[in-house]
C-alpha atoms as a PDB file:
ATOM      1  CA  UNK A   1    -203.020  38.748 145.861  1.00  0.00           C
ATOM      2  CA  UNK A   2    -203.314  35.964 143.310  1.00  0.00           C
ATOM      3  CA  UNK A   3    -206.320  36.023 140.980  1.00  0.00           C
ATOM      4  CA  UNK A   4    -207.306  32.528 139.937  1.00  0.00           C
ATOM      5  CA  UNK A   5    -211.087  32.401 140.097  1.00  0.00           C
ATOM      6  CA  UNK A   6    -214.051  34.468 138.966  1.00  0.00           C
ATOM      7  CA  UNK A   7    -212.038  36.177 136.265  1.00  0.00           C
ATOM      8  CA  UNK A   8    -213.334  36.696 132.763  1.00  0.00           C
ATOM      9  CA  UNK A   9    -210.785  35.908 130.063  1.00  0.00           C
ATOM     10  CA  UNK A  10    -208.966  39.012 128.951  1.00  0.00           C
ATOM     11  CA  UNK A  11    -207.605  39.926 125.544  1.00  0.00           C
ATOM     12  CA  UNK A  12    -203.911  39.600 124.728  1.00  0.00           C
ATOM     13  CA  UNK A  13    -202.604  43.147 124.755  1.00  0.00           C
ATOM     14  CA  UNK A  14    -199.845  45.003 122.961  1.00  0.00           C
ATOM     15  CA  UNK A  15    -197.204  45.300 125.647  1.00  0.00           C
ATOM     16  CA  UNK A  16    -194.404  47.828 125.513  1.00  0.00           C
ATOM     17  CA  UNK A  17    -191.447  48.012 127.892  1.00  0.00           C
ATOM     18  CA  UNK A  18    -190.072  51.016 129.741  1.00  0.00           C
ATOM     19  CA  UNK A  19    -186.496  50.334 130.828  1.00  0.00           C
ATOM     20  CA  UNK A  20    -185.232  52.759 133.469  1.00  0.00           C
ATOM     21  CA  UNK A  21    -181.571  53.648 132.943  1.00  0.00           C
ATOM     22  CA  UNK A  22    -181.416  57.240 134.181  1.00  0.00           C
ATOM     23  CA  UNK A  23    -180.088  56.918 137.711  1.00  0.00           C
ATOM     24  CA  UNK A  24    -176.845  58.281 139.075  1.00  0.00           C
ATOM     25  CA  UNK A  25    -176.005  54.963 140.770  1.00  0.00           C
ATOM     26  CA  UNK A  26    -175.246  56.831 143.982  1.00  0.00           C
ATOM     27  CA  UNK A  27    -175.074  53.646 146.056  1.00  0.00           C
ATOM     28  CA  UNK A  28    -172.668  52.155 143.576  1.00  0.00           C
ATOM     29  CA  UNK A  29    -169.913  54.727 143.293  1.00  0.00           C
ATOM     30  CA  UNK A  30    -168.352  56.805 140.503  1.00  0.00           C
ATOM     31  CA  UNK A  31    -168.140  54.036 137.882  1.00  0.00           C
ATOM     32  CA  UNK A  32    -170.846  53.729 135.172  1.00  0.00           C
ATOM     33  CA  UNK A  33    -172.689  50.696 136.528  1.00  0.00           C
ATOM     34  CA  UNK A  34    -174.982  50.112 133.555  1.00  0.00           C
ATOM     35  CA  UNK A  35    -171.963  50.010 131.245  1.00  0.00           C
ATOM     36  CA  UNK A  36    -170.185  47.299 133.257  1.00  0.00           C
ATOM     37  CA  UNK A  37    -169.468  44.242 131.130  1.00  0.00           C
ATOM     38  CA  UNK A  38    -171.198  40.909 131.552  1.00  0.00           C
ATOM     39  CA  UNK A  39    -170.045  38.245 129.085  1.00  0.00           C
ATOM     40  CA  UNK A  40    -168.562  40.999 126.936  1.00  0.00           C
ATOM     41  CA  UNK A  41    -171.703  43.141 126.723  1.00  0.00           C
ATOM     42  CA  UNK A  42    -172.788  46.151 128.814  1.00  0.00           C
ATOM     43  CA  UNK A  43    -175.282  45.356 131.553  1.00  0.00           C
ATOM     44  CA  UNK A  44    -177.894  47.653 129.992  1.00  0.00           C
ATOM     45  CA  UNK A  45    -177.640  45.761 126.688  1.00  0.00           C
ATOM     46  CA  UNK A  46    -178.283  42.466 128.484  1.00  0.00           C
ATOM     47  CA  UNK A  47    -181.452  43.972 129.940  1.00  0.00           C
ATOM     48  CA  UNK A  48    -182.608  44.972 126.460  1.00  0.00           C
ATOM     49  CA  UNK A  49    -181.721  41.574 124.987  1.00  0.00           C
ATOM     50  CA  UNK A  50    -183.724  39.820 127.705  1.00  0.00           C
ATOM     51  CA  UNK A  51    -186.828  41.740 126.686  1.00  0.00           C
ATOM     52  CA  UNK A  52    -186.254  41.003 123.017  1.00  0.00           C
ATOM     53  CA  UNK A  53    -185.782  37.302 123.764  1.00  0.00           C
ATOM     54  CA  UNK A  54    -189.317  37.360 125.171  1.00  0.00           C
ATOM     55  CA  UNK A  55    -190.624  38.814 121.898  1.00  0.00           C
ATOM     56  CA  UNK A  56    -190.976  42.383 123.178  1.00  0.00           C
ATOM     57  CA  UNK A  57    -189.933  44.689 120.369  1.00  0.00           C
ATOM     58  CA  UNK A  58    -191.291  48.031 121.611  1.00  0.00           C
ATOM     59  CA  UNK A  59    -188.723  49.164 124.180  1.00  0.00           C
ATOM     60  CA  UNK A  60    -188.302  52.676 125.584  1.00  0.00           C
ATOM     61  CA  UNK A  61    -185.038  53.288 127.450  1.00  0.00           C
ATOM     62  CA  UNK A  62    -185.178  56.281 129.784  1.00  0.00           C
ATOM     63  CA  UNK A  63    -181.765  57.899 130.165  1.00  0.00           C
ATOM     64  CA  UNK A  64    -180.450  60.611 132.455  1.00  0.00           C
ATOM     65  CA  UNK A  65    -176.945  60.416 133.874  1.00  0.00           C
ATOM     66  CA  UNK A  66    -174.427  59.357 131.212  1.00  0.00           C
ATOM     67  CA  UNK A  67    -177.112  59.437 128.531  1.00  0.00           C
ATOM     68  CA  UNK A  68    -174.586  59.629 125.675  1.00  0.00           C
ATOM     69  CA  UNK A  69    -172.726  56.564 126.949  1.00  0.00           C
ATOM     70  CA  UNK A  70    -175.955  54.594 127.360  1.00  0.00           C
ATOM     71  CA  UNK A  71    -176.975  55.538 123.821  1.00  0.00           C
ATOM     72  CA  UNK A  72    -173.598  54.389 122.497  1.00  0.00           C
ATOM     73  CA  UNK A  73    -173.899  51.074 124.348  1.00  0.00           C
ATOM     74  CA  UNK A  74    -177.272  50.451 122.689  1.00  0.00           C
ATOM     75  CA  UNK A  75    -176.363  51.643 119.202  1.00  0.00           C
ATOM     76  CA  UNK A  76    -176.904  48.153 117.764  1.00  0.00           C
ATOM     77  CA  UNK A  77    -180.285  47.678 119.409  1.00  0.00           C
ATOM     78  CA  UNK A  78    -183.619  48.884 118.073  1.00  0.00           C
ATOM     79  CA  UNK A  79    -184.848  50.865 121.060  1.00  0.00           C
ATOM     80  CA  UNK A  80    -186.327  54.310 121.587  1.00  0.00           C
ATOM     81  CA  UNK A  81    -184.214  56.535 123.817  1.00  0.00           C
ATOM     82  CA  UNK A  82    -186.020  59.103 125.960  1.00  0.00           C
ATOM     83  CA  UNK A  83    -183.901  61.513 127.991  1.00  0.00           C
ATOM     84  CA  UNK A  84    -185.142  62.624 131.393  1.00  0.00           C
ATOM     85  CA  UNK A  85    -183.547  66.008 132.211  1.00  0.00           C
ATOM     86  CA  UNK A  86    -184.916  65.797 135.771  1.00  0.00           C
ATOM     87  CA  UNK A  87    -183.330  62.414 136.533  1.00  0.00           C
ATOM     88  CA  UNK A  88    -181.605  63.755 139.654  1.00  0.00           C
ATOM     89  CA  UNK A  89    -184.997  64.267 141.322  1.00  0.00           C
ATOM     90  CA  UNK A  90    -185.495  60.512 141.563  1.00  0.00           C
ATOM     91  CA  UNK A  91    -187.077  57.532 139.881  1.00  0.00           C
ATOM     92  CA  UNK A  92    -190.522  59.128 139.787  1.00  0.00           C
ATOM     93  CA  UNK A  93    -189.539  61.594 137.073  1.00  0.00           C
ATOM     94  CA  UNK A  94    -188.049  58.783 134.957  1.00  0.00           C
ATOM     95  CA  UNK A  95    -191.226  56.752 135.314  1.00  0.00           C
ATOM     96  CA  UNK A  96    -193.200  59.773 134.159  1.00  0.00           C
ATOM     97  CA  UNK A  97    -190.892  60.348 131.184  1.00  0.00           C
ATOM     98  CA  UNK A  98    -191.210  56.734 130.103  1.00  0.00           C
ATOM     99  CA  UNK A  99    -194.973  56.542 130.517  1.00  0.00           C
ATOM    100  CA  UNK A 100    -195.526  59.823 128.667  1.00  0.00           C
ATOM    101  CA  UNK A 101    -193.496  58.427 125.758  1.00  0.00           C
ATOM    102  CA  UNK A 102    -195.740  55.385 125.361  1.00  0.00           C
ATOM    103  CA  UNK A 103    -197.810  55.448 122.162  1.00  0.00           C
ATOM    104  CA  UNK A 104    -201.596  55.280 122.164  1.00  0.00           C
ATOM    105  CA  UNK A 105    -201.577  51.690 120.952  1.00  0.00           C
ATOM    106  CA  UNK A 106    -199.749  50.518 124.105  1.00  0.00           C
ATOM    107  CA  UNK A 107    -202.380  48.685 126.137  1.00  0.00           C
ATOM    108  CA  UNK A 108    -199.890  47.789 128.849  1.00  0.00           C
ATOM    109  CA  UNK A 109    -196.259  48.274 129.754  1.00  0.00           C
ATOM    110  CA  UNK A 110    -193.551  46.473 131.649  1.00  0.00           C
ATOM    111  CA  UNK A 111    -191.616  48.765 133.970  1.00  0.00           C
ATOM    112  CA  UNK A 112    -188.092  47.347 134.062  1.00  0.00           C
ATOM    113  CA  UNK A 113    -184.867  48.316 135.812  1.00  0.00           C
ATOM    114  CA  UNK A 114    -181.671  48.569 133.804  1.00  0.00           C
ATOM    115  CA  UNK A 115    -179.563  46.909 136.516  1.00  0.00           C
ATOM    116  CA  UNK A 116    -181.540  43.635 136.529  1.00  0.00           C
ATOM    117  CA  UNK A 117    -180.048  41.714 133.585  1.00  0.00           C
ATOM    118  CA  UNK A 118    -180.768  38.201 134.895  1.00  0.00           C
ATOM    119  CA  UNK A 119    -184.553  38.209 134.466  1.00  0.00           C
ATOM    120  CA  UNK A 120    -185.545  35.283 132.262  1.00  0.00           C
ATOM    121  CA  UNK A 121    -187.491  35.680 129.042  1.00  0.00           C
ATOM    122  CA  UNK A 122    -190.110  33.260 130.382  1.00  0.00           C
ATOM    123  CA  UNK A 123    -190.847  35.682 133.220  1.00  0.00           C
ATOM    124  CA  UNK A 124    -191.737  38.477 130.810  1.00  0.00           C
ATOM    125  CA  UNK A 125    -193.871  36.032 128.823  1.00  0.00           C
ATOM    126  CA  UNK A 126    -195.654  34.834 131.975  1.00  0.00           C
ATOM    127  CA  UNK A 127    -196.639  38.387 132.912  1.00  0.00           C
ATOM    128  CA  UNK A 128    -197.942  39.095 129.411  1.00  0.00           C
ATOM    129  CA  UNK A 129    -199.841  35.808 129.339  1.00  0.00           C
ATOM    130  CA  UNK A 130    -201.466  36.576 132.696  1.00  0.00           C
ATOM    131  CA  UNK A 131    -202.525  40.023 131.490  1.00  0.00           C
ATOM    132  CA  UNK A 132    -204.223  38.352 128.547  1.00  0.00           C
ATOM    133  CA  UNK A 133    -205.952  35.773 130.724  1.00  0.00           C
ATOM    134  CA  UNK A 134    -207.351  37.954 133.501  1.00  0.00           C
ATOM    135  CA  UNK A 135    -209.373  41.083 132.774  1.00  0.00           C
ATOM    136  CA  UNK A 136    -209.960  42.515 136.266  1.00  0.00           C
ATOM    137  CA  UNK A 137    -206.394  43.090 137.556  1.00  0.00           C
ATOM    138  CA  UNK A 138    -204.444  46.066 136.214  1.00  0.00           C
ATOM    139  CA  UNK A 139    -201.105  45.327 137.913  1.00  0.00           C
ATOM    140  CA  UNK A 140    -199.201  42.067 137.414  1.00  0.00           C
ATOM    141  CA  UNK A 141    -196.239  41.229 139.652  1.00  0.00           C
ATOM    142  CA  UNK A 142    -193.877  38.251 139.354  1.00  0.00           C
ATOM    143  CA  UNK A 143    -193.436  36.247 142.542  1.00  0.00           C
ATOM    144  CA  UNK A 144    -191.015  33.541 143.587  1.00  0.00           C
ATOM    145  CA  UNK A 145    -191.935  31.514 146.674  1.00  0.00           C
ATOM    146  CA  UNK A 146    -194.555  34.156 147.429  1.00  0.00           C
ATOM    147  CA  UNK A 147    -192.153  37.092 147.364  1.00  0.00           C
ATOM    148  CA  UNK A 148    -192.767  39.825 144.743  1.00  0.00           C
ATOM    149  CA  UNK A 149    -190.020  41.107 142.465  1.00  0.00           C
ATOM    150  CA  UNK A 150    -189.464  42.995 139.224  1.00  0.00           C
ATOM    151  CA  UNK A 151    -190.491  43.817 136.540  1.00  0.00           C
ATOM    152  CA  UNK A 152    -194.142  44.761 136.971  1.00  0.00           C
ATOM    153  CA  UNK A 153    -196.676  44.880 134.149  1.00  0.00           C
ATOM    154  CA  UNK A 154    -199.202  47.745 134.241  1.00  0.00           C
ATOM    155  CA  UNK A 155    -202.348  48.194 132.173  1.00  0.00           C
ATOM    156  CA  UNK A 156    -203.073  51.525 130.499  1.00  0.00           C
ATOM    157  CA  UNK A 157    -205.596  52.341 133.232  1.00  0.00           C
ATOM    158  CA  UNK A 158    -202.602  52.721 135.576  1.00  0.00           C
ATOM    159  CA  UNK A 159    -200.479  54.923 133.314  1.00  0.00           C
ATOM    160  CA  UNK A 160    -201.749  58.182 134.803  1.00  0.00           C
ATOM    161  CA  UNK A 161    -201.002  56.941 138.326  1.00  0.00           C
ATOM    162  CA  UNK A 162    -197.484  55.944 137.297  1.00  0.00           C
ATOM    163  CA  UNK A 163    -196.853  59.315 135.679  1.00  0.00           C
ATOM    164  CA  UNK A 164    -197.841  61.079 138.907  1.00  0.00           C
ATOM    165  CA  UNK A 165    -195.319  59.307 141.129  1.00  0.00           C
ATOM    166  CA  UNK A 166    -192.813  61.799 142.532  1.00  0.00           C
ATOM    167  CA  UNK A 167    -189.470  61.537 144.265  1.00  0.00           C
ATOM    168  CA  UNK A 168    -187.181  58.552 144.501  1.00  0.00           C
ATOM    169  CA  UNK A 169    -189.802  55.822 144.731  1.00  0.00           C
ATOM    170  CA  UNK A 170    -191.111  53.365 142.210  1.00  0.00           C
ATOM    171  CA  UNK A 171    -194.531  51.823 141.841  1.00  0.00           C
ATOM    172  CA  UNK A 172    -194.601  49.860 145.097  1.00  0.00           C
ATOM    173  CA  UNK A 173    -196.826  52.453 146.776  1.00  0.00           C
ATOM    174  CA  UNK A 174    -199.412  51.980 144.026  1.00  0.00           C
ATOM    175  CA  UNK A 175    -199.222  48.220 144.386  1.00  0.00           C
ATOM    176  CA  UNK A 176    -199.759  48.456 148.133  1.00  0.00           C
ATOM    177  CA  UNK A 177    -202.673  50.878 147.848  1.00  0.00           C
ATOM    178  CA  UNK A 178    -204.426  48.875 145.116  1.00  0.00           C
ATOM    179  CA  UNK A 179    -204.031  45.306 146.334  1.00  0.00           C
ATOM    180  CA  UNK A 180    -207.448  44.389 144.917  1.00  0.00           C
ATOM    181  CA  UNK A 181    -206.142  45.109 141.402  1.00  0.00           C
ATOM    182  CA  UNK A 182    -202.902  43.133 141.729  1.00  0.00           C
ATOM    183  CA  UNK A 183    -202.354  39.727 140.176  1.00  0.00           C
ATOM    184  CA  UNK A 184    -199.409  37.724 141.504  1.00  0.00           C
ATOM    185  CA  UNK A 185    -197.764  35.665 138.784  1.00  0.00           C
ATOM    186  CA  UNK A 186    -195.616  32.802 140.159  1.00  0.00           C
ATOM    187  CA  UNK A 187    -192.346  32.293 138.257  1.00  0.00           C
ATOM    188  CA  UNK A 188    -189.307  30.075 138.765  1.00  0.00           C
ATOM    189  CA  UNK A 189    -186.866  32.926 138.356  1.00  0.00           C
ATOM    190  CA  UNK A 190    -184.551  34.215 141.115  1.00  0.00           C
ATOM    191  CA  UNK A 191    -183.494  36.939 138.665  1.00  0.00           C
ATOM    192  CA  UNK A 192    -186.554  38.971 139.655  1.00  0.00           C
ATOM    193  CA  UNK A 193    -184.706  39.829 142.894  1.00  0.00           C
ATOM    194  CA  UNK A 194    -181.165  40.412 141.598  1.00  0.00           C
ATOM    195  CA  UNK A 195    -180.350  44.071 141.109  1.00  0.00           C
ATOM    196  CA  UNK A 196    -176.690  44.889 140.654  1.00  0.00           C
ATOM    197  CA  UNK A 197    -176.485  48.114 142.632  1.00  0.00           C
ATOM    198  CA  UNK A 198    -173.191  47.705 144.496  1.00  0.00           C
ATOM    199  CA  UNK A 199    -169.602  46.824 143.506  1.00  0.00           C
ATOM    200  CA  UNK A 200    -169.898  43.697 145.689  1.00  0.00           C
ATOM    201  CA  UNK A 201    -172.945  42.556 143.729  1.00  0.00           C
ATOM    202  CA  UNK A 202    -171.068  43.002 140.462  1.00  0.00           C
ATOM    203  CA  UNK A 203    -168.197  40.914 141.748  1.00  0.00           C
ATOM    204  CA  UNK A 204    -170.551  38.223 143.034  1.00  0.00           C
ATOM    205  CA  UNK A 205    -172.175  37.805 139.619  1.00  0.00           C
ATOM    206  CA  UNK A 206    -169.042  38.129 137.507  1.00  0.00           C
ATOM    207  CA  UNK A 207    -169.650  41.585 136.058  1.00  0.00           C
ATOM    208  CA  UNK A 208    -166.488  43.377 134.915  1.00  0.00           C
ATOM    209  CA  UNK A 209    -166.075  47.133 135.363  1.00  0.00           C
ATOM    210  CA  UNK A 210    -163.347  47.296 132.717  1.00  0.00           C
ATOM    211  CA  UNK A 211    -165.018  48.398 129.495  1.00  0.00           C
END
């Protein structure tokens, strides 16, 4: 649902990012997926650097499995690490941990996945710009050729809903049930669809498991 008309201009908000890096990578295998090397850096660091390239400095990284290794991989990055002890219960608990860690001054947040390092900085900027332009929507999704991808930007009014998601699902159920509050943001970025969740995907995109 793309909002283009009858929208009052919104106010540019202070956007934080919640980067989910707590999963067990069960579909991937025993290797630490988020620590796989891409151009000499761990995948999770690339995801952080993409956010910083867009000017997003307030980044919460939710850890779970291999939390110490993730922390070590990000030792040179200014991020806030939040450990989710219930990570095995699914993505819902990691979403809740990240949202609960957001400070009061966070008017909106980007929910990002640690295994999507190819998202362009311009995509993050486009979502933030849209949230500043349109006041009615509270969920902003990037789309490419009409197909939605990740990350998704959520206004504070949605934080409670996000924190109440349970099990191994993300925010798609909220998006589907609140279509009238969704703003589709067209972007020229195939990276919004590329999640590296299998060994074959790593090989396809030149990610090296030797680290």
